Amino acid sequence: MKNTNFEGLGKYKEIDKKYFNYLDELSKMEIPERDFIFQFPVFVGQVNLARYLFFYDLYKQIIELNGHIADVGTFKGSSFLFMAKMIKLFEPYNTTQVYGFDWFEGMAPSSQDDKNQEGKYKADFATLSKLIELQELKDVAILNKMDITKELAAFMKERPQLRFKMVFIDCGIKEVMESSLEYFWPRLVKGGILIMDHYNMEVSPSESLILEKHVGDNLIKQMPFVRQPTCYVIKEK
């Protein structure tokens, strides 16, 4: 008999219950909107904070490599713009940019994906584009609205010079992951880092096999302090 009570994300169900209760209470408090920006460490949960410390930790490991950053599955742009701002802070005189990729229509799972994800993570391209403009990030944040499965091949062919030192894939859809790894892994420079959000998780059943097919003998690692992303690979072979 299969017992799934504590498998995968079920491990965190009590922690998550308390956290979402906290969010409900937070929404009832009369807190000025600007405080959520200027005083954000007061409000952010440790799980979300760990996610960005993870990106920062890995970014510092590849900062001296020559290459761009790719963010596949950009959604509302949190990881995409976080990376853009790190580039602004730490690489003001290098050519590094971050390329974001999303079709902005939400998830469309196939029979080999988790059907519970249907329609999730739909975002607005115009809103994110406006935020890039307002924050004067257009020189480093290159946003691409596209269907990865149909348009990435042509995008790469038109840009034979593109090389990446970090690639973050957060999509959970089999065809999107296959297309992404087919074209981004060969363009990832030696010593560069590939990050996957759902490796070894039930919400993306095919992710483990697809990743292992492409990375070969390179070690699949994890950080002890972060829940997601679940793994990263340093390209050595």
Protein backbone atom coordinates (compact mmCIF):
# COMPACT_ATOMS: atom_id res chain seq x y z
CA MET A 1 0.00 0.00 0.00
CA LYS A 2 1.28 3.45 -0.91
CA ASN A 3 1.44 5.91 1.98
CA THR A 4 1.84 9.47 0.70
CA ASN A 5 1.01 11.44 3.86
CA PHE A 6 4.56 12.69 4.28
CA GLU A 7 6.04 12.13 0.83
CA GLY A 8 7.50 15.10 -1.03
CA LEU A 9 5.91 18.38 0.02
CA GLY A 10 3.83 16.52 2.61
CA LYS A 11 6.91 16.71 4.83
CA TYR A 12 6.17 20.40 5.33
CA LYS A 13 2.40 20.32 5.77
CA GLU A 14 2.41 21.45 9.42
CA ILE A 15 4.95 24.21 8.73
CA ASP A 16 2.92 25.41 5.74
CA LYS A 17 -0.34 25.37 7.71
CA LYS A 18 1.13 27.69 10.33
CA TYR A 19 2.65 29.94 7.67
CA PHE A 20 -0.60 30.42 5.77
CA ASN A 21 -2.40 31.09 9.04
CA TYR A 22 0.20 33.79 9.63
CA LEU A 23 -0.55 35.28 6.19
CA ASP A 24 -4.26 35.35 7.02
CA GLU A 25 -3.54 37.24 10.23
CA LEU A 26 -1.13 39.57 8.43
CA SER A 27 -3.83 40.51 5.91
CA LYS A 28 -6.06 41.69 8.78
CA MET A 29 -3.48 44.09 10.15
CA GLU A 30 -3.47 47.71 9.08
CA ILE A 31 0.09 47.81 7.79
CA PRO A 32 1.12 50.59 5.36
CA GLU A 33 1.76 49.15 1.91
CA ARG A 34 5.20 50.74 1.69
CA ASP A 35 6.31 48.83 4.77
CA PHE A 36 6.10 45.60 2.78
CA ILE A 37 8.81 47.04 0.51
CA PHE A 38 11.02 49.03 2.89
CA GLN A 39 10.72 46.63 5.83
CA PHE A 40 10.39 43.38 3.87
CA PRO A 41 12.53 41.21 6.26
CA VAL A 42 9.89 41.84 8.93
CA PHE A 43 7.22 40.07 6.88
CA VAL A 44 8.87 37.53 4.56
CA GLY A 45 8.79 33.87 5.59
CA GLN A 46 12.04 31.98 6.12
CA VAL A 47 11.23 29.55 3.29
CA ASN A 48 10.94 32.38 0.76
CA LEU A 49 13.98 34.16 2.18
CA ALA A 50 16.03 30.97 1.85
CA ARG A 51 15.16 30.80 -1.85
CA TYR A 52 16.86 34.12 -2.58
CA LEU A 53 19.83 33.39 -0.34
CA PHE A 54 20.24 30.22 -2.42
CA PHE A 55 20.34 32.20 -5.67
CA TYR A 56 22.78 34.69 -4.15
CA ASP A 57 25.06 31.92 -2.86
CA LEU A 58 25.28 30.22 -6.27
CA TYR A 59 25.57 33.50 -8.15
CA LYS A 60 28.66 34.43 -6.15
CA GLN A 61 30.22 31.14 -7.23
CA ILE A 62 29.92 31.95 -10.96
CA ILE A 63 30.31 35.72 -10.93
CA GLU A 64 33.75 35.63 -12.56
CA LEU A 65 32.66 33.31 -15.37
CA ASN A 66 31.86 34.85 -18.73
CA GLY A 67 28.24 34.24 -19.66
CA HIS A 68 24.66 35.35 -19.20
CA ILE A 69 21.91 34.07 -16.93
CA ALA A 70 18.69 32.38 -18.12
CA ASP A 71 15.44 32.25 -16.16
CA VAL A 72 13.02 29.75 -17.73
CA GLY A 73 9.48 29.94 -16.36
CA THR A 74 9.68 33.59 -15.34
CA PHE A 75 6.05 33.92 -14.15
CA LYS A 76 5.76 37.27 -12.28
CA GLY A 77 9.50 37.85 -12.39
CA SER A 78 10.74 37.43 -8.82
CA SER A 79 13.82 35.31 -9.59
CA PHE A 80 14.29 37.06 -12.95
CA LEU A 81 14.44 40.56 -11.48
CA PHE A 82 16.36 39.43 -8.40
CA MET A 83 19.09 38.19 -10.74
CA ALA A 84 18.93 41.39 -12.78
CA LYS A 85 19.47 43.43 -9.63
CA MET A 86 22.41 41.26 -8.56
CA ILE A 87 23.98 41.92 -11.96
CA LYS A 88 23.44 45.66 -11.45
CA LEU A 89 25.09 45.50 -8.03
CA PHE A 90 27.97 43.13 -8.66
CA GLU A 91 28.72 43.34 -12.41
CA PRO A 92 28.19 46.97 -13.44
CA TYR A 93 31.02 46.85 -15.98
CA ASN A 94 30.54 43.35 -17.42
CA THR A 95 28.32 42.35 -20.35
CA THR A 96 26.24 39.93 -18.25
CA GLN A 97 22.47 40.04 -18.74
CA VAL A 98 19.58 37.87 -17.58
CA TYR A 99 17.23 36.41 -20.20
CA GLY A 100 13.71 35.59 -19.03
CA PHE A 101 11.49 33.09 -20.88
CA ASP A 102 7.77 32.48 -20.43
CA TRP A 103 4.67 32.26 -22.60
CA PHE A 104 2.55 33.95 -19.87
CA GLU A 105 -0.44 31.64 -20.39
CA GLY A 106 -0.07 29.41 -17.34
CA MET A 107 0.75 25.73 -17.12
CA ALA A 108 -0.64 23.28 -19.66
CA PRO A 109 0.25 19.78 -18.41
CA SER A 110 0.35 16.77 -20.72
CA SER A 111 -0.51 13.21 -19.71
CA GLN A 112 3.02 12.85 -18.30
CA ASP A 113 2.75 15.89 -16.04
CA ASP A 114 0.88 16.63 -12.82
CA LYS A 115 -2.66 17.50 -13.95
CA ASN A 116 -3.21 19.45 -10.72
CA GLN A 117 -0.98 22.19 -12.16
CA GLU A 118 -3.42 23.01 -14.98
CA GLY A 119 -3.76 26.77 -15.44
CA LYS A 120 -1.45 27.73 -12.59
CA TYR A 121 1.29 30.38 -12.81
CA LYS A 122 -0.35 32.58 -15.40
CA ALA A 123 1.13 36.07 -15.37
CA ASP A 124 0.91 39.32 -17.31
CA PHE A 125 3.69 40.17 -19.75
CA ALA A 126 2.75 43.87 -19.89
CA THR A 127 2.90 44.27 -16.11
CA LEU A 128 6.33 42.69 -15.84
CA SER A 129 7.60 44.73 -18.79
CA LYS A 130 6.38 47.89 -17.06
CA LEU A 131 8.16 46.95 -13.83
CA ILE A 132 11.39 46.44 -15.77
CA GLU A 133 10.99 49.90 -17.29
CA LEU A 134 10.09 51.62 -14.01
CA GLN A 135 13.13 50.14 -12.26
CA GLU A 136 15.45 51.01 -15.15
CA LEU A 137 16.49 47.40 -15.68
CA LYS A 138 15.99 47.24 -19.45
CA ASP A 139 19.74 47.10 -20.07
CA VAL A 140 20.17 43.88 -18.07
CA ALA A 141 16.72 42.22 -17.98
CA ILE A 142 15.82 40.80 -21.41
CA LEU A 143 12.25 39.45 -21.31
CA ASN A 144 11.15 36.98 -24.00
CA LYS A 145 7.51 36.01 -24.46
CA MET A 146 7.63 32.68 -26.28
CA ASP A 147 6.56 29.06 -26.41
CA ILE A 148 9.85 27.36 -25.52
CA THR A 149 8.82 24.12 -27.24
CA LYS A 150 8.31 25.85 -30.60
CA GLU A 151 10.47 28.98 -30.61
CA LEU A 152 13.63 28.35 -28.59
CA ALA A 153 15.45 26.54 -31.40
CA ALA A 154 15.14 29.54 -33.72
CA PHE A 155 16.02 31.95 -30.90
CA MET A 156 19.29 30.10 -30.27
CA LYS A 157 20.10 29.70 -33.96
CA GLU A 158 19.80 33.46 -34.44
CA ARG A 159 22.20 34.03 -31.52
CA PRO A 160 25.12 31.60 -31.95
CA GLN A 161 27.26 33.74 -29.63
CA LEU A 162 25.05 33.32 -26.55
CA ARG A 163 26.67 31.54 -23.62
CA PHE A 164 25.29 31.18 -20.10
CA LYS A 165 26.94 30.83 -16.71
CA MET A 166 23.70 30.17 -14.82
CA VAL A 167 20.42 28.64 -16.00
CA PHE A 168 17.36 28.36 -13.76
CA ILE A 169 14.52 26.14 -15.04
CA ASP A 170 11.23 26.41 -13.18
CA CYS A 171 8.43 25.05 -15.34
CA GLY A 172 7.46 21.50 -14.35
CA ILE A 173 6.19 20.62 -17.83
CA LYS A 174 7.90 17.73 -19.63
CA GLU A 175 8.08 19.22 -23.14
CA VAL A 176 9.29 22.59 -21.85
CA MET A 177 12.02 20.98 -19.75
CA GLU A 178 13.16 18.79 -22.64
CA SER A 179 13.42 21.75 -25.01
CA SER A 180 15.11 23.91 -22.38
CA LEU A 181 17.79 21.38 -21.48
CA GLU A 182 18.39 20.47 -25.11
CA TYR A 183 19.41 24.04 -25.92
CA PHE A 184 20.62 25.55 -22.64
CA TRP A 185 22.84 22.74 -21.37
CA PRO A 186 25.20 22.87 -24.40
CA ARG A 187 25.38 26.69 -24.04
CA LEU A 188 26.22 26.51 -20.32
CA VAL A 189 29.93 27.22 -19.90
CA LYS A 190 32.24 24.91 -17.97
CA GLY A 191 31.86 25.69 -14.28
CA GLY A 192 28.43 27.18 -14.93
CA ILE A 193 25.46 26.20 -12.79
CA LEU A 194 22.13 24.69 -13.83
CA ILE A 195 19.31 24.99 -11.27
CA MET A 196 16.10 22.95 -11.30
CA ASP A 197 13.11 23.82 -9.14
CA HIS A 198 11.31 20.45 -8.90
CA TYR A 199 13.91 17.68 -9.24
CA ASN A 200 12.94 14.61 -7.18
CA MET A 201 9.43 15.97 -6.54
CA GLU A 202 6.01 14.56 -7.34
CA VAL A 203 4.72 17.84 -8.78
CA SER A 204 7.05 17.33 -11.76
CA PRO A 205 7.13 13.55 -12.37
CA SER A 206 9.42 13.59 -15.41
CA GLU A 207 11.95 16.17 -14.21
CA SER A 208 14.39 13.75 -12.59
CA LEU A 209 14.79 11.54 -15.66
CA ILE A 210 15.06 14.47 -18.07
CA LEU A 211 17.74 16.18 -16.00
CA GLU A 212 19.78 13.01 -15.53
CA LYS A 213 19.67 12.30 -19.27
CA HIS A 214 21.35 15.62 -20.05
CA VAL A 215 23.83 16.15 -17.21
CA GLY A 216 25.44 12.69 -17.36
CA ASP A 217 28.15 12.18 -14.73
CA ASN A 218 27.92 15.68 -13.30
CA LEU A 219 26.86 15.60 -9.66
CA ILE A 220 23.33 16.66 -8.76
CA LYS A 221 23.61 18.69 -5.56
CA GLN A 222 21.33 20.39 -3.05
CA MET A 223 21.62 23.14 -0.47
CA PRO A 224 20.77 22.11 3.13
CA PHE A 225 18.90 25.32 3.97
CA VAL A 226 16.43 25.64 1.08
CA ARG A 227 13.29 23.71 0.14
CA GLN A 228 13.11 24.89 -3.47
CA PRO A 229 14.91 25.00 -5.86
CA THR A 230 15.59 21.36 -5.07
CA CYS A 231 18.89 20.90 -6.90
CA TYR A 232 21.76 22.40 -8.84
CA VAL A 233 24.44 21.00 -11.14
CA ILE A 234 27.88 22.49 -11.68
CA LYS A 235 28.90 21.68 -15.26
CA GLU A 236 32.31 20.03 -15.05
CA LYS A 237 31.97 17.34 -17.76
